[in-house]
Amino acid sequence: MYPVIRLFTQLIKHRNDPPLAITDTHVSRHRCLPWDIDLWLELNNGRTLTLYDLGRTTAAQRVGLIKVLRRNRWGLTMAGASVRYRRRIRTFEKFEMRSRLAWWDDKFFYVEQSMWKRNGECANHIVYRSAVTGSAGIIVPQQVVEEIDAQTIRPPAPEWIAAWIKAETKRPWPPMQE
């Protein structure tokens, strides 16, 4: 089940936080609850992706994206992700989530997120490819950025994100059927 109560709790908790610039990092704190775990009593990999929604949504609120989406009747969609799992997060363990817009091209936004254990170790890290959509399809990211803050200049593409984008162009779509 989707953690709607946790989502609204995060939105309310951070509603009065200072606004963020579009590429700033939103930091939030969470706890691995019993319904987040798998058979090995650790944060389930699928639930990790769901919890990342909490950080992205709250970051979107703080940068002003939610207001822009509502005003223009736009939506958000995910178009891909690459994740690394490196450390376990166990039941009741607290962790910090960091969420930021890393870059955008002519079609997609690239959102970087990570979960950090209390001892400073990174437990997992993900980059999402996301798009803003309207009735006619994908909205050009620069248009969205200008609606949030016309002064924002696109940063250079991080090398590792550029490499992921290039690798994704070699991946067949639709996938081969056997």
Protein backbone atom coordinates (compact mmCIF):
# COMPACT_ATOMS: atom_id res chain seq x y z
CA MET A 1 0.00 0.00 0.00
CA TYR A 2 1.24 3.49 -0.84
CA PRO A 3 2.37 5.46 2.25
CA VAL A 4 -0.12 8.32 1.83
CA ILE A 5 -0.02 9.28 5.53
CA ARG A 6 3.78 9.43 5.46
CA LEU A 7 3.67 11.54 2.30
CA PHE A 8 1.28 14.08 3.82
CA THR A 9 3.30 14.06 7.06
CA GLN A 10 6.43 14.98 5.09
CA LEU A 11 4.62 17.69 3.11
CA ILE A 12 3.22 19.21 6.30
CA LYS A 13 6.51 18.87 8.19
CA HIS A 14 8.42 20.74 5.46
CA ARG A 15 5.70 23.20 4.37
CA ASN A 16 7.37 26.12 6.19
CA ASP A 17 10.95 25.22 5.31
CA PRO A 18 12.69 27.90 3.28
CA PRO A 19 12.28 27.58 -0.48
CA LEU A 20 15.05 25.82 -2.37
CA ALA A 21 16.69 26.82 -5.62
CA ILE A 22 15.79 24.31 -8.31
CA THR A 23 19.07 22.35 -8.01
CA ASP A 24 19.42 22.55 -4.21
CA THR A 25 19.26 19.43 -2.06
CA HIS A 26 16.23 18.65 0.10
CA VAL A 27 17.13 16.64 3.21
CA SER A 28 14.51 14.60 5.07
CA ARG A 29 14.65 12.05 7.87
CA HIS A 30 12.80 8.75 7.95
CA ARG A 31 12.58 5.44 9.79
CA CYS A 32 12.29 1.93 8.36
CA LEU A 33 8.96 0.64 9.68
CA PRO A 34 7.82 -3.00 9.95
CA TRP A 35 5.65 -2.71 6.83
CA ASP A 36 8.70 -1.52 4.83
CA ILE A 37 10.70 -4.72 5.30
CA ASP A 38 11.22 -7.94 3.41
CA LEU A 39 11.80 -11.50 4.67
CA TRP A 40 15.33 -10.55 5.75
CA LEU A 41 14.04 -7.81 8.07
CA GLU A 42 15.51 -5.00 6.02
CA LEU A 43 14.11 -2.23 3.83
CA ASN A 44 12.55 -3.89 0.79
CA ASN A 45 14.03 -2.77 -2.54
CA GLY A 46 10.59 -1.93 -3.96
CA ARG A 47 9.63 0.01 -0.85
CA THR A 48 12.89 1.96 -1.18
CA LEU A 49 11.64 3.28 -4.52
CA THR A 50 8.29 4.18 -2.98
CA LEU A 51 9.95 6.02 -0.09
CA TYR A 52 12.00 7.99 -2.60
CA ASP A 53 8.65 9.43 -3.75
CA LEU A 54 8.40 11.16 -0.36
CA GLY A 55 11.69 12.98 -0.87
CA ARG A 56 10.99 13.92 -4.49
CA THR A 57 7.51 15.22 -3.76
CA THR A 58 8.65 17.33 -0.81
CA ALA A 59 11.62 18.65 -2.80
CA ALA A 60 9.21 19.55 -5.62
CA GLN A 61 7.09 21.43 -3.10
CA ARG A 62 10.10 23.38 -1.80
CA VAL A 63 11.40 24.41 -5.24
CA GLY A 64 7.93 25.54 -6.37
CA LEU A 65 7.29 22.78 -8.90
CA ILE A 66 3.99 21.66 -7.32
CA LYS A 67 2.52 25.17 -7.76
CA VAL A 68 3.64 25.27 -11.40
CA LEU A 69 2.16 21.82 -12.08
CA ARG A 70 -1.18 22.79 -10.57
CA ARG A 71 -1.31 26.18 -12.30
CA ASN A 72 -0.68 24.62 -15.72
CA ARG A 73 -2.56 21.37 -15.10
CA TRP A 74 0.59 19.40 -15.81
CA GLY A 75 1.59 16.04 -14.41
CA LEU A 76 4.77 14.11 -13.70
CA THR A 77 5.83 10.75 -15.03
CA MET A 78 8.85 8.52 -14.55
CA ALA A 79 10.73 7.41 -17.65
CA GLY A 80 13.55 5.38 -16.12
CA ALA A 81 15.77 4.80 -13.12
CA SER A 82 19.12 3.35 -12.17
CA VAL A 83 19.68 2.32 -8.57
CA ARG A 84 22.55 0.99 -6.49
CA TYR A 85 21.99 -0.81 -3.19
CA ARG A 86 25.09 -0.97 -1.00
CA ARG A 87 24.09 -1.13 2.70
CA ARG A 88 21.11 -2.62 4.49
CA ILE A 89 18.60 -0.46 6.31
CA ARG A 90 17.06 -2.60 9.03
CA THR A 91 13.71 -2.44 10.81
CA PHE A 92 13.31 0.72 12.94
CA GLU A 93 16.63 2.12 11.71
CA LYS A 94 16.62 5.87 11.06
CA PHE A 95 18.04 7.23 7.82
CA GLU A 96 18.42 10.49 6.00
CA MET A 97 17.23 10.99 2.44
CA ARG A 98 18.78 13.56 0.09
CA SER A 99 16.90 14.59 -3.05
CA ARG A 100 17.91 17.03 -5.77
CA LEU A 101 17.44 17.86 -9.41
CA ALA A 102 20.83 17.06 -10.90
CA TRP A 103 20.30 18.12 -14.52
CA TRP A 104 17.85 18.37 -17.42
CA ASP A 105 18.06 18.00 -21.16
CA ASP A 106 15.58 18.83 -23.93
CA LYS A 107 13.10 16.18 -22.80
CA PHE A 108 13.78 14.92 -19.27
CA PHE A 109 14.73 15.89 -15.75
CA TYR A 110 17.34 13.80 -13.94
CA VAL A 111 16.69 13.55 -10.20
CA GLU A 112 19.37 12.19 -7.88
CA GLN A 113 18.45 10.70 -4.52
CA SER A 114 20.27 8.81 -1.79
CA MET A 115 19.62 7.29 1.63
CA TRP A 116 22.25 7.67 4.35
CA LYS A 117 22.61 5.67 7.53
CA ARG A 118 23.26 7.38 10.85
CA ASN A 119 26.91 6.27 10.73
CA GLY A 120 27.41 8.30 7.53
CA GLU A 121 27.35 5.37 5.10
CA CYS A 122 25.35 5.67 1.91
CA ALA A 123 22.85 2.79 1.85
CA ASN A 124 21.58 3.32 -1.69
CA HIS A 125 21.58 5.82 -4.52
CA ILE A 126 19.30 6.38 -7.49
CA VAL A 127 18.96 8.58 -10.52
CA TYR A 128 15.50 8.98 -12.03
CA ARG A 129 14.61 10.19 -15.49
CA SER A 130 11.37 12.12 -15.17
CA ALA A 131 9.16 14.19 -17.45
CA VAL A 132 6.53 16.85 -16.96
CA THR A 133 3.48 16.10 -19.09
CA GLY A 134 0.57 18.13 -20.41
CA SER A 135 -2.39 17.41 -22.65
CA ALA A 136 -0.11 17.52 -25.73
CA GLY A 137 2.61 15.28 -24.26
CA ILE A 138 5.98 16.07 -22.68
CA ILE A 139 6.63 19.68 -21.69
CA VAL A 140 10.15 20.89 -22.53
CA PRO A 141 12.07 21.00 -19.22
CA GLN A 142 13.47 24.49 -19.86
CA GLN A 143 9.90 25.82 -20.04
CA VAL A 144 9.15 24.25 -16.66
CA VAL A 145 12.36 25.65 -15.16
CA GLU A 146 11.55 29.14 -16.43
CA GLU A 147 8.09 28.93 -14.83
CA ILE A 148 9.76 28.19 -11.50
CA ASP A 149 12.65 30.65 -11.78
CA ALA A 150 13.53 32.37 -15.06
CA GLN A 151 17.03 33.15 -13.74
CA THR A 152 18.02 29.49 -13.39
CA ILE A 153 20.85 28.38 -15.64
CA ARG A 154 21.15 24.70 -16.49
CA PRO A 155 24.25 23.22 -14.84
CA PRO A 156 26.65 21.06 -16.82
CA ALA A 157 25.61 17.43 -17.09
CA PRO A 158 27.33 15.27 -14.48
CA GLU A 159 29.60 12.86 -16.35
CA TRP A 160 28.02 9.77 -14.80
CA ILE A 161 24.50 10.92 -15.76
CA ALA A 162 25.63 11.65 -19.32
CA ALA A 163 27.12 8.13 -19.46
CA TRP A 164 23.86 6.61 -18.19
CA ILE A 165 21.87 8.52 -20.81
CA LYS A 166 24.21 7.27 -23.52
CA ALA A 167 24.00 3.69 -22.23
CA GLU A 168 20.19 3.87 -22.21
CA THR A 169 20.19 4.70 -25.94
CA LYS A 170 21.74 1.27 -26.59
CA ARG A 171 19.07 -0.57 -24.60
CA PRO A 172 16.45 -2.10 -26.92
CA TRP A 173 12.88 -0.90 -26.75
CA PRO A 174 10.60 -2.65 -26.77
CA PRO A 175 12.56 -5.42 -25.06
CA MET A 176 13.11 -8.59 -27.03
CA GLN A 177 10.50 -11.29 -26.57
CA GLU A 178 11.67 -14.87 -26.33
